[in-house]
């Protein structure tokens, strides 16, 4: 009883049976590419031209409406000066930042002694 328990808890928008909804990969990829483009202060047209993809198609990718092939992803990443590892790293951060964690530990009275039957819970939402 002296150790706390760490477990994942469904966050807002949870699916049935307490399972958290998983985001679609195309949404995460699109958002990461858009963030990279905007950080560089570049337009869709500029990146699309350099990557040799159509502007409407790149827009659809950024909005998560289309799934880009590996060839298109490589071209867009190249146009943005990114490596595929940079994109995958951004996706990892996006996915792990959506985790909700609940910690349950015994509460203690003054001087660090455990209270009888007392437990405290804390829910953390990673930002």
C-alpha atoms as a PDB file:
ATOM      1  CA  UNK A   1       0.000   0.000   0.000  1.00  0.00           C
ATOM      2  CA  UNK A   2       3.039   2.243   0.219  1.00  0.00           C
ATOM      3  CA  UNK A   3       3.428   2.622  -3.549  1.00  0.00           C
ATOM      4  CA  UNK A   4       1.311   4.743  -5.874  1.00  0.00           C
ATOM      5  CA  UNK A   5      -0.365   3.432  -9.006  1.00  0.00           C
ATOM      6  CA  UNK A   6       0.173   5.064 -12.391  1.00  0.00           C
ATOM      7  CA  UNK A   7      -2.316   4.278 -15.138  1.00  0.00           C
ATOM      8  CA  UNK A   8      -3.651   5.833 -18.314  1.00  0.00           C
ATOM      9  CA  UNK A   9      -7.181   7.164 -18.069  1.00  0.00           C
ATOM     10  CA  UNK A  10      -9.503   7.986 -20.968  1.00  0.00           C
ATOM     11  CA  UNK A  11      -9.500  11.709 -21.576  1.00  0.00           C
ATOM     12  CA  UNK A  12     -12.156  13.984 -22.963  1.00  0.00           C
ATOM     13  CA  UNK A  13     -13.824  12.563 -26.050  1.00  0.00           C
ATOM     14  CA  UNK A  14     -13.349   8.981 -24.930  1.00  0.00           C
ATOM     15  CA  UNK A  15     -14.798   6.229 -27.041  1.00  0.00           C
ATOM     16  CA  UNK A  16     -16.955   3.319 -25.938  1.00  0.00           C
ATOM     17  CA  UNK A  17     -15.842   1.034 -23.121  1.00  0.00           C
ATOM     18  CA  UNK A  18     -13.502   3.692 -21.717  1.00  0.00           C
ATOM     19  CA  UNK A  19     -11.051   3.520 -24.618  1.00  0.00           C
ATOM     20  CA  UNK A  20      -9.666   6.886 -25.694  1.00  0.00           C
ATOM     21  CA  UNK A  21     -10.268   7.884 -29.302  1.00  0.00           C
ATOM     22  CA  UNK A  22      -7.123   7.609 -31.401  1.00  0.00           C
ATOM     23  CA  UNK A  23      -6.429  10.461 -33.807  1.00  0.00           C
ATOM     24  CA  UNK A  24      -6.039   9.667 -37.486  1.00  0.00           C
ATOM     25  CA  UNK A  25      -2.462   9.635 -38.731  1.00  0.00           C
ATOM     26  CA  UNK A  26      -3.380  11.844 -41.702  1.00  0.00           C
ATOM     27  CA  UNK A  27      -4.637  14.551 -39.290  1.00  0.00           C
ATOM     28  CA  UNK A  28      -1.414  14.457 -37.278  1.00  0.00           C
ATOM     29  CA  UNK A  29       0.801  14.475 -40.382  1.00  0.00           C
ATOM     30  CA  UNK A  30      -1.108  17.369 -41.912  1.00  0.00           C
ATOM     31  CA  UNK A  31      -0.981  19.422 -38.725  1.00  0.00           C
ATOM     32  CA  UNK A  32       2.763  18.810 -38.311  1.00  0.00           C
ATOM     33  CA  UNK A  33       3.481  19.823 -41.904  1.00  0.00           C
ATOM     34  CA  UNK A  34       1.346  22.961 -41.574  1.00  0.00           C
ATOM     35  CA  UNK A  35       3.099  23.950 -38.323  1.00  0.00           C
ATOM     36  CA  UNK A  36       6.498  23.527 -39.978  1.00  0.00           C
ATOM     37  CA  UNK A  37       5.441  25.580 -43.009  1.00  0.00           C
ATOM     38  CA  UNK A  38       3.962  28.372 -40.888  1.00  0.00           C
ATOM     39  CA  UNK A  39       7.021  28.467 -38.596  1.00  0.00           C
ATOM     40  CA  UNK A  40       9.080  29.118 -41.712  1.00  0.00           C
ATOM     41  CA  UNK A  41       6.683  31.856 -42.861  1.00  0.00           C
ATOM     42  CA  UNK A  42       6.118  30.100 -46.177  1.00  0.00           C
ATOM     43  CA  UNK A  43       3.022  29.893 -48.327  1.00  0.00           C
ATOM     44  CA  UNK A  44       1.283  26.770 -49.521  1.00  0.00           C
ATOM     45  CA  UNK A  45       2.139  27.775 -53.092  1.00  0.00           C
ATOM     46  CA  UNK A  46       5.849  28.093 -52.315  1.00  0.00           C
ATOM     47  CA  UNK A  47       6.075  24.683 -50.626  1.00  0.00           C
ATOM     48  CA  UNK A  48       3.852  22.978 -53.216  1.00  0.00           C
ATOM     49  CA  UNK A  49       5.958  24.353 -56.075  1.00  0.00           C
ATOM     50  CA  UNK A  50       9.220  23.290 -54.445  1.00  0.00           C
ATOM     51  CA  UNK A  51       7.830  19.820 -53.610  1.00  0.00           C
ATOM     52  CA  UNK A  52       6.313  19.525 -57.106  1.00  0.00           C
ATOM     53  CA  UNK A  53       2.828  18.724 -55.821  1.00  0.00           C
ATOM     54  CA  UNK A  54      -0.327  20.646 -56.594  1.00  0.00           C
ATOM     55  CA  UNK A  55      -1.316  23.419 -54.227  1.00  0.00           C
ATOM     56  CA  UNK A  56      -4.852  21.999 -53.694  1.00  0.00           C
ATOM     57  CA  UNK A  57      -3.389  18.567 -52.914  1.00  0.00           C
ATOM     58  CA  UNK A  58      -0.935  19.967 -50.354  1.00  0.00           C
ATOM     59  CA  UNK A  59      -3.793  21.920 -48.779  1.00  0.00           C
ATOM     60  CA  UNK A  60      -5.850  18.712 -48.514  1.00  0.00           C
ATOM     61  CA  UNK A  61      -2.892  16.942 -46.885  1.00  0.00           C
ATOM     62  CA  UNK A  62      -2.418  19.741 -44.345  1.00  0.00           C
ATOM     63  CA  UNK A  63      -6.119  19.657 -43.461  1.00  0.00           C
ATOM     64  CA  UNK A  64      -6.036  15.882 -42.950  1.00  0.00           C
ATOM     65  CA  UNK A  65      -8.372  15.218 -45.867  1.00  0.00           C
ATOM     66  CA  UNK A  66      -5.864  13.218 -47.935  1.00  0.00           C
ATOM     67  CA  UNK A  67      -3.263  10.647 -46.964  1.00  0.00           C
ATOM     68  CA  UNK A  68       0.009  11.408 -48.667  1.00  0.00           C
ATOM     69  CA  UNK A  69       2.114   8.640 -50.156  1.00  0.00           C
ATOM     70  CA  UNK A  70       5.624   8.159 -48.842  1.00  0.00           C
ATOM     71  CA  UNK A  71       6.955   9.791 -52.020  1.00  0.00           C
ATOM     72  CA  UNK A  72       4.819  12.909 -51.507  1.00  0.00           C
ATOM     73  CA  UNK A  73       5.743  13.062 -47.811  1.00  0.00           C
ATOM     74  CA  UNK A  74       9.424  12.858 -48.731  1.00  0.00           C
ATOM     75  CA  UNK A  75       9.003  15.648 -51.305  1.00  0.00           C
ATOM     76  CA  UNK A  76       7.105  17.937 -48.901  1.00  0.00           C
ATOM     77  CA  UNK A  77       9.544  17.261 -46.071  1.00  0.00           C
ATOM     78  CA  UNK A  78      12.416  18.006 -48.450  1.00  0.00           C
ATOM     79  CA  UNK A  79      10.778  21.265 -49.527  1.00  0.00           C
ATOM     80  CA  UNK A  80      10.457  22.225 -45.864  1.00  0.00           C
ATOM     81  CA  UNK A  81      14.049  21.244 -45.107  1.00  0.00           C
ATOM     82  CA  UNK A  82      12.893  18.447 -42.802  1.00  0.00           C
ATOM     83  CA  UNK A  83      14.013  14.870 -42.489  1.00  0.00           C
ATOM     84  CA  UNK A  84      11.420  12.140 -42.172  1.00  0.00           C
ATOM     85  CA  UNK A  85      12.787  11.614 -38.641  1.00  0.00           C
ATOM     86  CA  UNK A  86      11.820  15.235 -37.828  1.00  0.00           C
ATOM     87  CA  UNK A  87       8.249  14.592 -38.967  1.00  0.00           C
ATOM     88  CA  UNK A  88       8.003  11.303 -37.072  1.00  0.00           C
ATOM     89  CA  UNK A  89       9.431  12.997 -33.966  1.00  0.00           C
ATOM     90  CA  UNK A  90       6.767  15.715 -34.175  1.00  0.00           C
ATOM     91  CA  UNK A  91       4.081  13.031 -34.523  1.00  0.00           C
ATOM     92  CA  UNK A  92       5.455  11.233 -31.469  1.00  0.00           C
ATOM     93  CA  UNK A  93       5.253  14.430 -29.428  1.00  0.00           C
ATOM     94  CA  UNK A  94       1.695  15.080 -30.649  1.00  0.00           C
ATOM     95  CA  UNK A  95       0.574  11.576 -29.699  1.00  0.00           C
ATOM     96  CA  UNK A  96       2.246  11.443 -26.314  1.00  0.00           C
ATOM     97  CA  UNK A  97       1.033  14.916 -25.337  1.00  0.00           C
ATOM     98  CA  UNK A  98      -2.548  13.647 -25.595  1.00  0.00           C
ATOM     99  CA  UNK A  99      -2.026  11.198 -22.715  1.00  0.00           C
ATOM    100  CA  UNK A 100      -4.032  11.562 -19.537  1.00  0.00           C
ATOM    101  CA  UNK A 101      -2.444  10.025 -16.478  1.00  0.00           C
ATOM    102  CA  UNK A 102      -4.037   9.297 -13.110  1.00  0.00           C
ATOM    103  CA  UNK A 103      -1.912   8.826 -10.017  1.00  0.00           C
ATOM    104  CA  UNK A 104      -3.333   7.233  -6.857  1.00  0.00           C
ATOM    105  CA  UNK A 105      -1.233   7.209  -3.707  1.00  0.00           C
ATOM    106  CA  UNK A 106      -1.909   6.765  -0.012  1.00  0.00           C
ATOM    107  CA  UNK A 107      -2.446  10.043   1.814  1.00  0.00           C
ATOM    108  CA  UNK A 108      -0.282  10.727   4.811  1.00  0.00           C
ATOM    109  CA  UNK A 109      -0.974  12.366   8.107  1.00  0.00           C
ATOM    110  CA  UNK A 110       1.374  14.856   9.647  1.00  0.00           C
ATOM    111  CA  UNK A 111       4.952  13.565   9.915  1.00  0.00           C
ATOM    112  CA  UNK A 112       4.577  11.252   6.903  1.00  0.00           C
ATOM    113  CA  UNK A 113       2.594   8.461   8.556  1.00  0.00           C
ATOM    114  CA  UNK A 114      -0.093   6.834   6.370  1.00  0.00           C
ATOM    115  CA  UNK A 115      -3.687   7.597   7.303  1.00  0.00           C
ATOM    116  CA  UNK A 116      -5.972   4.651   7.787  1.00  0.00           C
ATOM    117  CA  UNK A 117      -7.636   3.845   4.465  1.00  0.00           C
ATOM    118  CA  UNK A 118      -6.839   7.275   3.058  1.00  0.00           C
ATOM    119  CA  UNK A 119      -5.946   7.620  -0.602  1.00  0.00           C
ATOM    120  CA  UNK A 120      -5.569  10.676  -2.788  1.00  0.00           C
ATOM    121  CA  UNK A 121      -6.049  10.801  -6.534  1.00  0.00           C
ATOM    122  CA  UNK A 122      -4.615  13.254  -9.003  1.00  0.00           C
ATOM    123  CA  UNK A 123      -5.353  13.359 -12.717  1.00  0.00           C
ATOM    124  CA  UNK A 124      -2.746  14.971 -14.963  1.00  0.00           C
ATOM    125  CA  UNK A 125      -3.371  16.056 -18.525  1.00  0.00           C
ATOM    126  CA  UNK A 126      -0.190  16.381 -20.522  1.00  0.00           C
ATOM    127  CA  UNK A 127      -0.178  19.540 -22.612  1.00  0.00           C
END
